């Protein structure tokens, strides 16, 4: 793991990476989901299927090649009525390279409810969503549904420039389509997302 630094816990001899503490400090208290960052050393289980850089170019992340937004739209992706846009956040936490900074500054958004529809073969998948706060501290608070199931509540309450890879959100696809809905808890604000990765989970052995 690439460590930015270490902090010592009070009354303890243990040290934790700063990135771990950042995730703890900014984890939504109301969410029962697991959230990770690309710098915490956790490797998704299963076979990489697809990564999408929303409103951005193709990029390699953690050794996996993501599709550009335009290529993803030509490969079974649909994002009805979203607004592709860009921001100019220069200092990200945890720190990332130039290409990753560019990825987090390209975004799709939509008032209140943003839908992501992706054709996939039937099976079991883990889905991750990559988000950064790009407007104001704790401006966003979003619930995530996959199909008819709410998989996370109140995510993305972050300081400006802070980013998190949320997931894994496990889902079983039986009709050839992944349906993700990101809804703001405040209906007057936009839902947004910067990236998505999908991994195929091995079928349980009988």
Foldseek 3Di string as FASTA:
>chain_A
DDAPDWDDDPPDPDIDGPLVVQCVVQPDPPKPFDWAALPPPDDDDFAWDAKEFAQADWDARPNDIHHYNVVQVVQFKDKPPKDWDFADDDQAPVDDDPVVVRLQRTKIKDQFKIKIKGFDPWAKKWKKFKHFDADAQQPFFKWKDKDNRTNTGGPDRGGHRYMIITDRDMDTDDPGMIMMMIGTPDRGDMDMTGMMIMGGHDDDDD
